[in-house]
Amino acid sequence: MSLTVTPVSGEELRSALPDLARLRTEVFREFPYLYSGTPAYEERYLQTYLEAPGALVVLVRDGSEVVGASTALPLAAETEALQRPFRGSELDPGEVLYLGESVLRAAYRGRGLGHRFFDEREAHARRLGLSVTAFCAVQRPANHPARPADYRPLNAFWEGRGYVERPDLETTLSWPDVGETQETPKPMRFWVKRLD
C-alpha cells in the first residue's frame, strides 16, 4: 500500500473529479449523513473548488486510486446557508476558512489521515491570513433507526484538535436520505477553532 497525501488544484483536480465524486457518494451513504446522492451531482458541486479563490482539496491516493479527500474554502465564498449563522456572532465570516467535507474509505481510517486533513486545512487558513477554521456536522438523534450499534461520534477527536461545539451557530442543509427520493432539511451545528 503506497499512500500519498497531496493538495491538488487546476487540471490535476479536474481530472480527479470523477473519482472524488464517486468516493463522496460512497462514504456519505454511511451514518450519520445517510446521503443518497449521485456522482453526477457531486461532480457539479465540486466545480466550486476549481473556481473559487482560496479553495483547497487534499487527496489521499493508494497508488493511483483516490481513497480519501478533504476540502476547504473561505467562508466568504460559501453559500448563504453556511454564512448566515456567523452574522451577528463575534466571528467575522471574512476571517473564517470553512472546512468542507472529509471522506475516507473505511479500510484507511485509524492511520492518522484525519489529523493530516486538519493539519493541511489549518495550514492553508494561515497561508490565506484567516484566523478561524470552522465546519458543521449533521445532528442526528441518538436513537436514529439507521445508527449502527458500533457508531462512535467524532466529537472527542474534534475536541482534541481544539474545536469547540457551538450550539449557537446552526444552519439547515437539505439532501435525500438513503431510501428517500425527496430532499429533507437536516440540522447542522458548527464547530469552531481560533488559530494561534
N, C-alpha and C. Protein backbone atom coordinates (compact mmCIF):
# COMPACT_ATOMS: atom_id res chain seq x y z
N MET A 1 0.84 -1.17 0.00
CA MET A 1 0.00 0.00 0.00
C MET A 1 0.89 1.24 0.00
N SER A 2 0.73 2.06 -1.04
CA SER A 2 1.57 3.24 -1.20
C SER A 2 0.69 4.49 -1.15
N LEU A 3 0.50 5.05 0.06
CA LEU A 3 -0.39 6.19 0.24
C LEU A 3 0.35 7.49 0.01
N THR A 4 -0.30 8.39 -0.73
CA THR A 4 0.21 9.75 -0.90
C THR A 4 -0.90 10.72 -0.51
N VAL A 5 -0.54 11.81 0.12
CA VAL A 5 -1.48 12.86 0.52
C VAL A 5 -0.99 14.15 -0.11
N THR A 6 -1.78 14.71 -1.03
CA THR A 6 -1.33 15.90 -1.74
C THR A 6 -2.47 16.88 -1.99
N PRO A 7 -2.20 18.17 -1.79
CA PRO A 7 -3.15 19.19 -2.23
C PRO A 7 -3.16 19.22 -3.77
N VAL A 8 -4.34 19.36 -4.36
CA VAL A 8 -4.44 19.41 -5.82
C VAL A 8 -5.29 20.59 -6.23
N SER A 9 -5.04 21.08 -7.44
CA SER A 9 -5.83 22.17 -7.99
C SER A 9 -5.74 22.09 -9.51
N GLY A 10 -6.42 23.01 -10.17
CA GLY A 10 -6.33 23.11 -11.63
C GLY A 10 -6.65 21.80 -12.33
N GLU A 11 -5.83 21.50 -13.34
CA GLU A 11 -6.09 20.31 -14.16
C GLU A 11 -5.97 19.01 -13.39
N GLU A 12 -5.06 18.97 -12.40
CA GLU A 12 -4.94 17.75 -11.60
C GLU A 12 -6.23 17.49 -10.83
N LEU A 13 -6.83 18.55 -10.28
CA LEU A 13 -8.11 18.39 -9.59
C LEU A 13 -9.20 18.03 -10.58
N ARG A 14 -9.24 18.73 -11.70
CA ARG A 14 -10.28 18.46 -12.71
C ARG A 14 -10.26 16.99 -13.13
N SER A 15 -9.08 16.43 -13.33
CA SER A 15 -9.01 15.03 -13.77
C SER A 15 -9.40 14.06 -12.65
N ALA A 16 -9.30 14.51 -11.39
CA ALA A 16 -9.66 13.64 -10.26
C ALA A 16 -11.14 13.75 -9.88
N LEU A 17 -11.87 14.72 -10.45
CA LEU A 17 -13.25 14.95 -10.03
C LEU A 17 -14.15 13.71 -10.14
N PRO A 18 -14.10 12.93 -11.22
CA PRO A 18 -14.99 11.75 -11.26
C PRO A 18 -14.71 10.76 -10.12
N ASP A 19 -13.43 10.51 -9.84
CA ASP A 19 -13.09 9.59 -8.74
C ASP A 19 -13.53 10.18 -7.40
N LEU A 20 -13.30 11.47 -7.22
CA LEU A 20 -13.66 12.13 -5.97
C LEU A 20 -15.18 12.13 -5.79
N ALA A 21 -15.92 12.37 -6.85
CA ALA A 21 -17.38 12.37 -6.77
C ALA A 21 -17.90 10.98 -6.37
N ARG A 22 -17.33 9.94 -6.94
CA ARG A 22 -17.76 8.57 -6.58
C ARG A 22 -17.43 8.27 -5.11
N LEU A 23 -16.25 8.68 -4.68
CA LEU A 23 -15.84 8.44 -3.29
C LEU A 23 -16.79 9.16 -2.32
N ARG A 24 -17.10 10.41 -2.60
CA ARG A 24 -18.00 11.16 -1.73
C ARG A 24 -19.37 10.50 -1.65
N THR A 25 -19.88 10.07 -2.79
CA THR A 25 -21.18 9.41 -2.81
C THR A 25 -21.16 8.13 -1.98
N GLU A 26 -20.07 7.38 -2.08
CA GLU A 26 -19.92 6.12 -1.33
C GLU A 26 -19.83 6.37 0.18
N VAL A 27 -18.95 7.27 0.61
CA VAL A 27 -18.71 7.47 2.04
C VAL A 27 -19.88 8.17 2.70
N PHE A 28 -20.51 9.13 2.02
CA PHE A 28 -21.61 9.86 2.64
C PHE A 28 -22.90 9.06 2.75
N ARG A 29 -22.95 7.86 2.17
CA ARG A 29 -24.11 6.98 2.39
C ARG A 29 -24.11 6.44 3.82
N GLU A 30 -22.96 6.44 4.47
CA GLU A 30 -22.84 5.92 5.82
C GLU A 30 -23.50 6.87 6.82
N PHE A 31 -23.88 6.33 7.97
CA PHE A 31 -24.36 7.15 9.08
C PHE A 31 -23.21 8.03 9.58
N PRO A 32 -23.43 9.28 9.91
CA PRO A 32 -24.70 9.95 10.14
C PRO A 32 -25.28 10.69 8.94
N TYR A 33 -24.56 10.75 7.82
CA TYR A 33 -25.06 11.56 6.70
C TYR A 33 -26.17 10.86 5.93
N LEU A 34 -26.04 9.56 5.68
CA LEU A 34 -27.10 8.79 5.01
C LEU A 34 -27.51 9.44 3.70
N TYR A 35 -26.52 9.97 2.99
CA TYR A 35 -26.75 10.78 1.79
C TYR A 35 -27.01 9.90 0.58
N SER A 36 -28.14 10.14 -0.05
CA SER A 36 -28.50 9.38 -1.25
C SER A 36 -28.24 10.25 -2.48
N GLY A 37 -26.99 10.58 -2.70
CA GLY A 37 -26.63 11.45 -3.82
C GLY A 37 -26.10 10.64 -4.99
N THR A 38 -25.72 11.38 -6.02
CA THR A 38 -25.20 10.73 -7.23
C THR A 38 -23.85 11.34 -7.57
N PRO A 39 -22.99 10.55 -8.21
CA PRO A 39 -21.71 11.11 -8.65
C PRO A 39 -21.88 12.32 -9.57
N ALA A 40 -22.90 12.32 -10.42
CA ALA A 40 -23.11 13.45 -11.33
C ALA A 40 -23.37 14.73 -10.54
N TYR A 41 -24.20 14.66 -9.51
CA TYR A 41 -24.45 15.83 -8.67
C TYR A 41 -23.17 16.26 -7.98
N GLU A 42 -22.42 15.30 -7.44
CA GLU A 42 -21.19 15.61 -6.73
C GLU A 42 -20.17 16.30 -7.64
N GLU A 43 -20.07 15.85 -8.88
CA GLU A 43 -19.13 16.50 -9.81
C GLU A 43 -19.50 17.96 -10.02
N ARG A 44 -20.80 18.24 -10.14
CA ARG A 44 -21.24 19.64 -10.31
C ARG A 44 -20.91 20.44 -9.06
N TYR A 45 -21.18 19.86 -7.87
CA TYR A 45 -20.88 20.54 -6.61
C TYR A 45 -19.39 20.86 -6.50
N LEU A 46 -18.55 19.92 -6.89
CA LEU A 46 -17.10 20.08 -6.74
C LEU A 46 -16.50 21.12 -7.68
N GLN A 47 -17.25 21.57 -8.66
CA GLN A 47 -16.76 22.62 -9.56
C GLN A 47 -16.37 23.87 -8.76
N THR A 48 -17.06 24.10 -7.64
CA THR A 48 -16.75 25.25 -6.79
C THR A 48 -15.27 25.28 -6.43
N TYR A 49 -14.71 24.10 -6.16
CA TYR A 49 -13.32 24.04 -5.72
C TYR A 49 -12.34 24.28 -6.87
N LEU A 50 -12.82 24.17 -8.08
CA LEU A 50 -11.99 24.54 -9.24
C LEU A 50 -11.99 26.05 -9.45
N GLU A 51 -13.09 26.69 -9.07
CA GLU A 51 -13.31 28.08 -9.47
C GLU A 51 -13.07 29.10 -8.36
N ALA A 52 -13.29 28.73 -7.10
CA ALA A 52 -13.25 29.73 -6.02
C ALA A 52 -11.82 30.02 -5.59
N PRO A 53 -11.44 31.30 -5.50
CA PRO A 53 -10.12 31.65 -4.98
C PRO A 53 -9.98 31.17 -3.53
N GLY A 54 -8.83 30.64 -3.20
CA GLY A 54 -8.58 30.19 -1.84
C GLY A 54 -9.08 28.81 -1.51
N ALA A 55 -9.65 28.11 -2.49
CA ALA A 55 -10.16 26.75 -2.23
C ALA A 55 -9.00 25.77 -2.09
N LEU A 56 -9.25 24.72 -1.33
CA LEU A 56 -8.25 23.67 -1.12
C LEU A 56 -8.91 22.31 -1.23
N VAL A 57 -8.29 21.40 -1.96
CA VAL A 57 -8.69 19.99 -1.99
C VAL A 57 -7.43 19.17 -1.75
N VAL A 58 -7.50 18.31 -0.73
CA VAL A 58 -6.40 17.41 -0.41
C VAL A 58 -6.87 15.99 -0.74
N LEU A 59 -6.08 15.30 -1.57
CA LEU A 59 -6.44 13.93 -1.97
C LEU A 59 -5.51 12.92 -1.31
N VAL A 60 -6.08 11.79 -0.93
CA VAL A 60 -5.30 10.63 -0.50
C VAL A 60 -5.44 9.59 -1.59
N ARG A 61 -4.31 9.14 -2.08
CA ARG A 61 -4.32 8.09 -3.11
C ARG A 61 -3.57 6.86 -2.61
N ASP A 62 -4.10 5.72 -2.97
CA ASP A 62 -3.40 4.46 -2.77
C ASP A 62 -2.99 4.03 -4.17
N GLY A 63 -1.72 4.24 -4.50
CA GLY A 63 -1.31 4.10 -5.90
C GLY A 63 -1.99 5.21 -6.68
N SER A 64 -2.79 4.85 -7.68
CA SER A 64 -3.50 5.87 -8.47
C SER A 64 -4.95 6.02 -8.03
N GLU A 65 -5.41 5.20 -7.08
CA GLU A 65 -6.81 5.23 -6.66
C GLU A 65 -7.05 6.28 -5.57
N VAL A 66 -8.05 7.13 -5.77
CA VAL A 66 -8.43 8.12 -4.75
C VAL A 66 -9.23 7.40 -3.67
N VAL A 67 -8.69 7.41 -2.43
CA VAL A 67 -9.35 6.71 -1.32
C VAL A 67 -9.77 7.66 -0.21
N GLY A 68 -9.40 8.93 -0.32
CA GLY A 68 -9.78 9.91 0.68
C GLY A 68 -9.62 11.31 0.14
N ALA A 69 -10.32 12.25 0.76
CA ALA A 69 -10.21 13.65 0.33
C ALA A 69 -10.75 14.55 1.42
N SER A 70 -10.26 15.78 1.41
CA SER A 70 -10.72 16.80 2.35
C SER A 70 -10.73 18.14 1.62
N THR A 71 -11.72 18.98 1.95
CA THR A 71 -11.89 20.24 1.24
C THR A 71 -11.97 21.42 2.22
N ALA A 72 -11.67 22.60 1.70
CA ALA A 72 -11.81 23.84 2.47
C ALA A 72 -12.00 24.99 1.50
N LEU A 73 -12.66 26.03 2.01
CA LEU A 73 -13.00 27.18 1.18
C LEU A 73 -13.22 28.38 2.11
N PRO A 74 -12.73 29.56 1.75
CA PRO A 74 -13.07 30.72 2.58
C PRO A 74 -14.59 30.83 2.73
N LEU A 75 -15.04 31.02 3.96
CA LEU A 75 -16.48 31.08 4.21
C LEU A 75 -17.15 32.15 3.36
N ALA A 76 -16.43 33.23 3.07
CA ALA A 76 -17.00 34.30 2.25
C ALA A 76 -17.38 33.82 0.85
N ALA A 77 -16.82 32.70 0.40
CA ALA A 77 -17.14 32.14 -0.92
C ALA A 77 -18.19 31.04 -0.83
N GLU A 78 -18.66 30.74 0.38
CA GLU A 78 -19.63 29.67 0.57
C GLU A 78 -21.05 30.19 0.43
N THR A 79 -22.01 29.29 0.59
CA THR A 79 -23.42 29.62 0.40
C THR A 79 -23.94 30.48 1.55
N GLU A 80 -25.06 31.12 1.30
CA GLU A 80 -25.72 31.94 2.32
C GLU A 80 -26.08 31.09 3.55
N ALA A 81 -26.51 29.86 3.33
CA ALA A 81 -26.90 28.99 4.46
C ALA A 81 -25.73 28.75 5.41
N LEU A 82 -24.52 28.70 4.89
CA LEU A 82 -23.34 28.49 5.74
C LEU A 82 -22.82 29.78 6.35
N GLN A 83 -22.99 30.89 5.67
CA GLN A 83 -22.52 32.18 6.20
C GLN A 83 -23.46 32.75 7.26
N ARG A 84 -24.77 32.53 7.09
CA ARG A 84 -25.78 33.17 7.93
C ARG A 84 -25.54 33.01 9.43
N PRO A 85 -25.21 31.82 9.95
CA PRO A 85 -25.05 31.69 11.41
C PRO A 85 -23.95 32.58 12.00
N PHE A 86 -22.97 32.97 11.17
CA PHE A 86 -21.86 33.77 11.68
C PHE A 86 -22.19 35.26 11.76
N ARG A 87 -23.19 35.68 11.00
CA ARG A 87 -23.58 37.09 11.06
C ARG A 87 -24.27 37.33 12.39
N GLY A 88 -23.87 38.34 13.09
CA GLY A 88 -24.43 38.61 14.40
C GLY A 88 -23.69 37.90 15.52
N SER A 89 -22.73 37.03 15.16
CA SER A 89 -21.89 36.40 16.18
C SER A 89 -20.62 37.24 16.32
N GLU A 90 -19.74 36.84 17.21
CA GLU A 90 -18.47 37.55 17.37
C GLU A 90 -17.48 37.21 16.26
N LEU A 91 -17.85 36.30 15.38
CA LEU A 91 -16.95 35.84 14.33
C LEU A 91 -17.28 36.50 13.01
N ASP A 92 -16.27 37.09 12.40
CA ASP A 92 -16.42 37.73 11.09
C ASP A 92 -16.30 36.65 10.01
N PRO A 93 -17.34 36.45 9.19
CA PRO A 93 -17.25 35.43 8.13
C PRO A 93 -16.03 35.60 7.23
N GLY A 94 -15.55 36.84 7.09
CA GLY A 94 -14.37 37.09 6.26
C GLY A 94 -13.07 36.59 6.86
N GLU A 95 -13.10 36.16 8.12
CA GLU A 95 -11.91 35.65 8.80
C GLU A 95 -11.92 34.13 8.93
N VAL A 96 -12.94 33.47 8.33
CA VAL A 96 -13.15 32.04 8.56
C VAL A 96 -12.83 31.21 7.32
N LEU A 97 -12.05 30.16 7.51
CA LEU A 97 -11.91 29.13 6.48
C LEU A 97 -12.91 28.04 6.83
N TYR A 98 -13.86 27.80 5.93
CA TYR A 98 -14.85 26.75 6.14
C TYR A 98 -14.24 25.42 5.72
N LEU A 99 -14.19 24.51 6.67
CA LEU A 99 -13.68 23.17 6.38
C LEU A 99 -14.83 22.34 5.86
N GLY A 100 -14.79 22.08 4.57
CA GLY A 100 -15.86 21.29 3.97
C GLY A 100 -15.77 19.85 4.45
N GLU A 101 -15.96 18.96 3.57
CA GLU A 101 -16.07 17.56 3.95
C GLU A 101 -14.72 16.85 3.95
N SER A 102 -14.62 15.87 4.83
CA SER A 102 -13.51 14.91 4.77
C SER A 102 -14.13 13.53 4.57
N VAL A 103 -13.65 12.83 3.57
CA VAL A 103 -14.16 11.48 3.29
C VAL A 103 -12.97 10.54 3.16
N LEU A 104 -13.14 9.35 3.73
CA LEU A 104 -12.07 8.36 3.72
C LEU A 104 -12.69 6.98 3.76
N ARG A 105 -12.27 6.13 2.84
CA ARG A 105 -12.78 4.76 2.86
C ARG A 105 -12.45 4.10 4.19
N ALA A 106 -13.34 3.24 4.65
CA ALA A 106 -13.23 2.64 5.98
C ALA A 106 -11.89 1.93 6.18
N ALA A 107 -11.38 1.26 5.16
CA ALA A 107 -10.13 0.49 5.29
C ALA A 107 -8.93 1.38 5.58
N TYR A 108 -9.05 2.69 5.38
CA TYR A 108 -7.92 3.60 5.55
C TYR A 108 -8.05 4.45 6.82
N ARG A 109 -9.09 4.22 7.59
CA ARG A 109 -9.28 5.00 8.82
C ARG A 109 -8.38 4.47 9.93
N GLY A 110 -8.11 5.33 10.91
CA GLY A 110 -7.28 4.94 12.04
C GLY A 110 -5.79 4.97 11.76
N ARG A 111 -5.38 5.68 10.70
CA ARG A 111 -3.97 5.78 10.32
C ARG A 111 -3.42 7.19 10.43
N GLY A 112 -4.18 8.06 11.07
CA GLY A 112 -3.71 9.44 11.23
C GLY A 112 -4.09 10.36 10.09
N LEU A 113 -4.83 9.88 9.11
CA LEU A 113 -5.17 10.73 7.97
C LEU A 113 -6.17 11.83 8.35
N GLY A 114 -7.03 11.57 9.32
CA GLY A 114 -7.94 12.62 9.79
C GLY A 114 -7.17 13.80 10.35
N HIS A 115 -6.12 13.51 11.13
CA HIS A 115 -5.25 14.58 11.65
C HIS A 115 -4.56 15.30 10.49
N ARG A 116 -4.11 14.54 9.54
CA ARG A 116 -3.42 15.15 8.38
C ARG A 116 -4.35 16.11 7.64
N PHE A 117 -5.62 15.70 7.49
CA PHE A 117 -6.59 16.58 6.83
C PHE A 117 -6.71 17.91 7.59
N PHE A 118 -6.82 17.84 8.91
CA PHE A 118 -6.93 19.08 9.68
C PHE A 118 -5.64 19.88 9.60
N ASP A 119 -4.48 19.21 9.69
CA ASP A 119 -3.20 19.93 9.58
C ASP A 119 -3.12 20.70 8.27
N GLU A 120 -3.47 20.04 7.17
CA GLU A 120 -3.38 20.67 5.84
C GLU A 120 -4.31 21.87 5.75
N ARG A 121 -5.54 21.72 6.25
CA ARG A 121 -6.51 22.80 6.11
C ARG A 121 -6.19 23.96 7.04
N GLU A 122 -5.74 23.67 8.26
CA GLU A 122 -5.37 24.76 9.16
C GLU A 122 -4.15 25.52 8.64
N ALA A 123 -3.19 24.82 8.07
CA ALA A 123 -2.03 25.49 7.46
C ALA A 123 -2.47 26.36 6.29
N HIS A 124 -3.45 25.89 5.53
CA HIS A 124 -3.98 26.66 4.41
C HIS A 124 -4.64 27.94 4.92
N ALA A 125 -5.40 27.85 6.01
CA ALA A 125 -6.04 29.04 6.58
C ALA A 125 -4.98 30.07 6.95
N ARG A 126 -3.90 29.61 7.58
CA ARG A 126 -2.81 30.53 7.96
C ARG A 126 -2.18 31.19 6.73
N ARG A 127 -1.97 30.39 5.67
CA ARG A 127 -1.40 30.96 4.43
C ARG A 127 -2.31 32.04 3.86
N LEU A 128 -3.63 31.86 4.01
CA LEU A 128 -4.59 32.84 3.50
C LEU A 128 -4.77 34.02 4.44
N GLY A 129 -4.16 33.96 5.64
CA GLY A 129 -4.32 35.02 6.61
C GLY A 129 -5.63 34.97 7.37
N LEU A 130 -6.26 33.81 7.41
CA LEU A 130 -7.53 33.64 8.12
C LEU A 130 -7.27 33.13 9.53
N SER A 131 -8.02 33.64 10.49
CA SER A 131 -7.73 33.35 11.90
C SER A 131 -8.64 32.31 12.53
N VAL A 132 -9.64 31.85 11.79
CA VAL A 132 -10.61 30.90 12.34
C VAL A 132 -10.86 29.79 11.32
N THR A 133 -10.96 28.56 11.82
CA THR A 133 -11.42 27.45 10.98
C THR A 133 -12.71 26.93 11.60
N ALA A 134 -13.63 26.50 10.76
CA ALA A 134 -14.93 26.03 11.25
C ALA A 134 -15.51 25.02 10.27
N PHE A 135 -16.28 24.09 10.82
CA PHE A 135 -17.02 23.15 9.99
C PHE A 135 -18.36 22.90 10.65
N CYS A 136 -19.27 22.28 9.93
CA CYS A 136 -20.54 21.92 10.56
C CYS A 136 -20.79 20.43 10.38
N ALA A 137 -21.49 19.86 11.36
CA ALA A 137 -21.77 18.43 11.39
C ALA A 137 -23.27 18.23 11.54
N VAL A 138 -23.78 17.22 10.85
CA VAL A 138 -25.21 16.92 10.93
C VAL A 138 -25.57 16.44 12.33
N GLN A 139 -26.75 16.84 12.77
CA GLN A 139 -27.26 16.44 14.08
C GLN A 139 -28.31 15.34 13.88
N ARG A 140 -28.00 14.14 14.33
CA ARG A 140 -28.95 13.03 14.26
C ARG A 140 -29.30 12.59 15.68
N PRO A 141 -30.53 12.18 15.92
CA PRO A 141 -30.87 11.74 17.28
C PRO A 141 -30.12 10.46 17.64
N ALA A 142 -29.83 10.31 18.94
CA ALA A 142 -29.08 9.14 19.41
C ALA A 142 -29.82 7.84 19.13
N ASN A 143 -31.15 7.91 19.02
CA ASN A 143 -31.93 6.70 18.76
C ASN A 143 -32.35 6.57 17.30
N HIS A 144 -31.62 7.21 16.41
CA HIS A 144 -31.95 7.13 14.98
C HIS A 144 -31.94 5.67 14.54
N PRO A 145 -32.95 5.21 13.80
CA PRO A 145 -33.03 3.79 13.45
C PRO A 145 -31.87 3.30 12.57
N ALA A 146 -31.20 4.19 11.85
CA ALA A 146 -30.09 3.77 10.99
C ALA A 146 -28.74 3.85 11.70
N ARG A 147 -28.72 4.26 12.95
CA ARG A 147 -27.45 4.39 13.68
C ARG A 147 -26.88 3.00 13.98
N PRO A 148 -25.68 2.69 13.49
CA PRO A 148 -25.10 1.37 13.78
C PRO A 148 -24.77 1.22 15.26
N ALA A 149 -24.85 0.01 15.77
CA ALA A 149 -24.59 -0.25 17.19
C ALA A 149 -23.18 0.18 17.58
N ASP A 150 -22.22 0.07 16.66
CA ASP A 150 -20.83 0.40 16.97
C ASP A 150 -20.44 1.83 16.55
N TYR A 151 -21.42 2.66 16.25
CA TYR A 151 -21.11 4.02 15.79
C TYR A 151 -20.48 4.84 16.91
N ARG A 152 -19.37 5.51 16.57
CA ARG A 152 -18.69 6.40 17.52
C ARG A 152 -18.65 7.81 16.93
N PRO A 153 -19.34 8.77 17.57
CA PRO A 153 -19.27 10.14 17.08
C PRO A 153 -17.83 10.64 17.13
N LEU A 154 -17.52 11.64 16.32
CA LEU A 154 -16.17 12.17 16.24
C LEU A 154 -15.93 13.35 17.19
N ASN A 155 -16.88 13.62 18.07
CA ASN A 155 -16.76 14.79 18.95
C ASN A 155 -15.44 14.82 19.72
N ALA A 156 -15.04 13.69 20.30
CA ALA A 156 -13.80 13.67 21.09
C ALA A 156 -12.59 13.97 20.21
N PHE A 157 -12.58 13.47 18.99
CA PHE A 157 -11.49 13.76 18.04
C PHE A 157 -11.45 15.25 17.74
N TRP A 158 -12.62 15.84 17.45
CA TRP A 158 -12.67 17.26 17.12
C TRP A 158 -12.23 18.11 18.31
N GLU A 159 -12.70 17.75 19.51
CA GLU A 159 -12.29 18.49 20.71
C GLU A 159 -10.78 18.39 20.92
N GLY A 160 -10.21 17.22 20.67
CA GLY A 160 -8.77 17.03 20.79
C GLY A 160 -7.98 17.89 19.81
N ARG A 161 -8.61 18.25 18.72
CA ARG A 161 -7.98 19.13 17.73
C ARG A 161 -8.17 20.60 18.09
N GLY A 162 -8.89 20.87 19.18
CA GLY A 162 -9.08 22.26 19.61
C GLY A 162 -10.36 22.89 19.14
N TYR A 163 -11.28 22.12 18.59
CA TYR A 163 -12.55 22.66 18.10
C TYR A 163 -13.57 22.69 19.23
N VAL A 164 -14.40 23.73 19.22
CA VAL A 164 -15.43 23.92 20.23
C VAL A 164 -16.79 23.83 19.54
N GLU A 165 -17.65 22.98 20.06
CA GLU A 165 -19.00 22.87 19.52
C GLU A 165 -19.78 24.14 19.87
N ARG A 166 -20.49 24.69 18.88
CA ARG A 166 -21.20 25.95 19.06
C ARG A 166 -22.69 25.77 18.78
N PRO A 167 -23.47 25.39 19.80
CA PRO A 167 -24.92 25.24 19.60
C PRO A 167 -25.59 26.53 19.14
N ASP A 168 -24.94 27.68 19.37
CA ASP A 168 -25.50 28.95 18.92
C ASP A 168 -25.27 29.20 17.43
N LEU A 169 -24.44 28.38 16.79
CA LEU A 169 -24.17 28.52 15.36
C LEU A 169 -24.71 27.28 14.65
N GLU A 170 -25.93 27.38 14.18
CA GLU A 170 -26.55 26.25 13.49
C GLU A 170 -27.17 26.72 12.19
N THR A 171 -27.28 25.80 11.26
CA THR A 171 -27.93 26.06 9.99
C THR A 171 -28.68 24.80 9.58
N THR A 172 -29.28 24.85 8.43
CA THR A 172 -30.02 23.70 7.90
C THR A 172 -29.59 23.47 6.46
N LEU A 173 -29.25 22.24 6.13
CA LEU A 173 -28.98 21.85 4.75
C LEU A 173 -29.92 20.70 4.40
N SER A 174 -30.20 20.56 3.12
CA SER A 174 -31.15 19.53 2.69
C SER A 174 -30.51 18.57 1.71
N TRP A 175 -30.85 17.30 1.86
CA TRP A 175 -30.48 16.27 0.90
C TRP A 175 -31.41 15.08 1.10
N PRO A 176 -31.47 14.19 0.10
CA PRO A 176 -32.30 12.98 0.28
C PRO A 176 -31.54 11.93 1.08
N ASP A 177 -32.17 11.39 2.10
CA ASP A 177 -31.58 10.29 2.85
C ASP A 177 -31.66 9.01 2.02
N VAL A 178 -30.80 8.06 2.35
CA VAL A 178 -30.84 6.75 1.70
C VAL A 178 -32.26 6.19 1.84
N GLY A 179 -32.81 5.71 0.73
CA GLY A 179 -34.16 5.16 0.73
C GLY A 179 -35.25 6.19 0.49
N GLU A 180 -34.86 7.47 0.37
CA GLU A 180 -35.84 8.53 0.11
C GLU A 180 -35.59 9.12 -1.27
N THR A 181 -36.62 9.74 -1.83
CA THR A 181 -36.46 10.39 -3.14
C THR A 181 -36.49 11.91 -3.03
N GLN A 182 -37.02 12.43 -1.93
CA GLN A 182 -37.12 13.88 -1.74
C GLN A 182 -36.08 14.36 -0.74
N GLU A 183 -35.57 15.57 -0.98
CA GLU A 183 -34.67 16.19 -0.01
C GLU A 183 -35.46 16.56 1.24
N THR A 184 -34.83 16.39 2.40
CA THR A 184 -35.43 16.84 3.65
C THR A 184 -34.39 17.66 4.40
N PRO A 185 -34.82 18.67 5.17
CA PRO A 185 -33.86 19.53 5.88
C PRO A 185 -33.19 18.78 7.03
N LYS A 186 -31.89 19.04 7.20
CA LYS A 186 -31.10 18.43 8.28
C LYS A 186 -30.47 19.55 9.11
N PRO A 187 -30.60 19.49 10.44
CA PRO A 187 -29.92 20.48 11.28
C PRO A 187 -28.42 20.24 11.28
N MET A 188 -27.65 21.31 11.14
CA MET A 188 -26.19 21.25 11.09
C MET A 188 -25.64 22.20 12.15
N ARG A 189 -24.69 21.70 12.95
CA ARG A 189 -24.09 22.51 14.02
C ARG A 189 -22.61 22.75 13.73
N PHE A 190 -22.18 24.00 13.97
CA PHE A 190 -20.79 24.36 13.71
C PHE A 190 -19.88 24.02 14.88
N TRP A 191 -18.65 23.69 14.53
CA TRP A 191 -17.53 23.55 15.45
C TRP A 191 -16.49 24.56 14.99
N VAL A 192 -15.86 25.27 15.95
CA VAL A 192 -15.02 26.42 15.61
C VAL A 192 -13.69 26.34 16.36
N LYS A 193 -12.63 26.77 15.68
CA LYS A 193 -11.30 26.86 16.31
C LYS A 193 -10.68 28.19 15.91
N ARG A 194 -10.16 28.89 16.91
CA ARG A 194 -9.35 30.09 16.64
C ARG A 194 -7.90 29.64 16.52
N LEU A 195 -7.27 30.00 15.42
CA LEU A 195 -5.89 29.58 15.17
C LEU A 195 -4.93 30.48 15.94
N ASP A 196 -3.82 29.90 16.39
CA ASP A 196 -2.79 30.68 17.10
C ASP A 196 -2.09 31.61 16.14
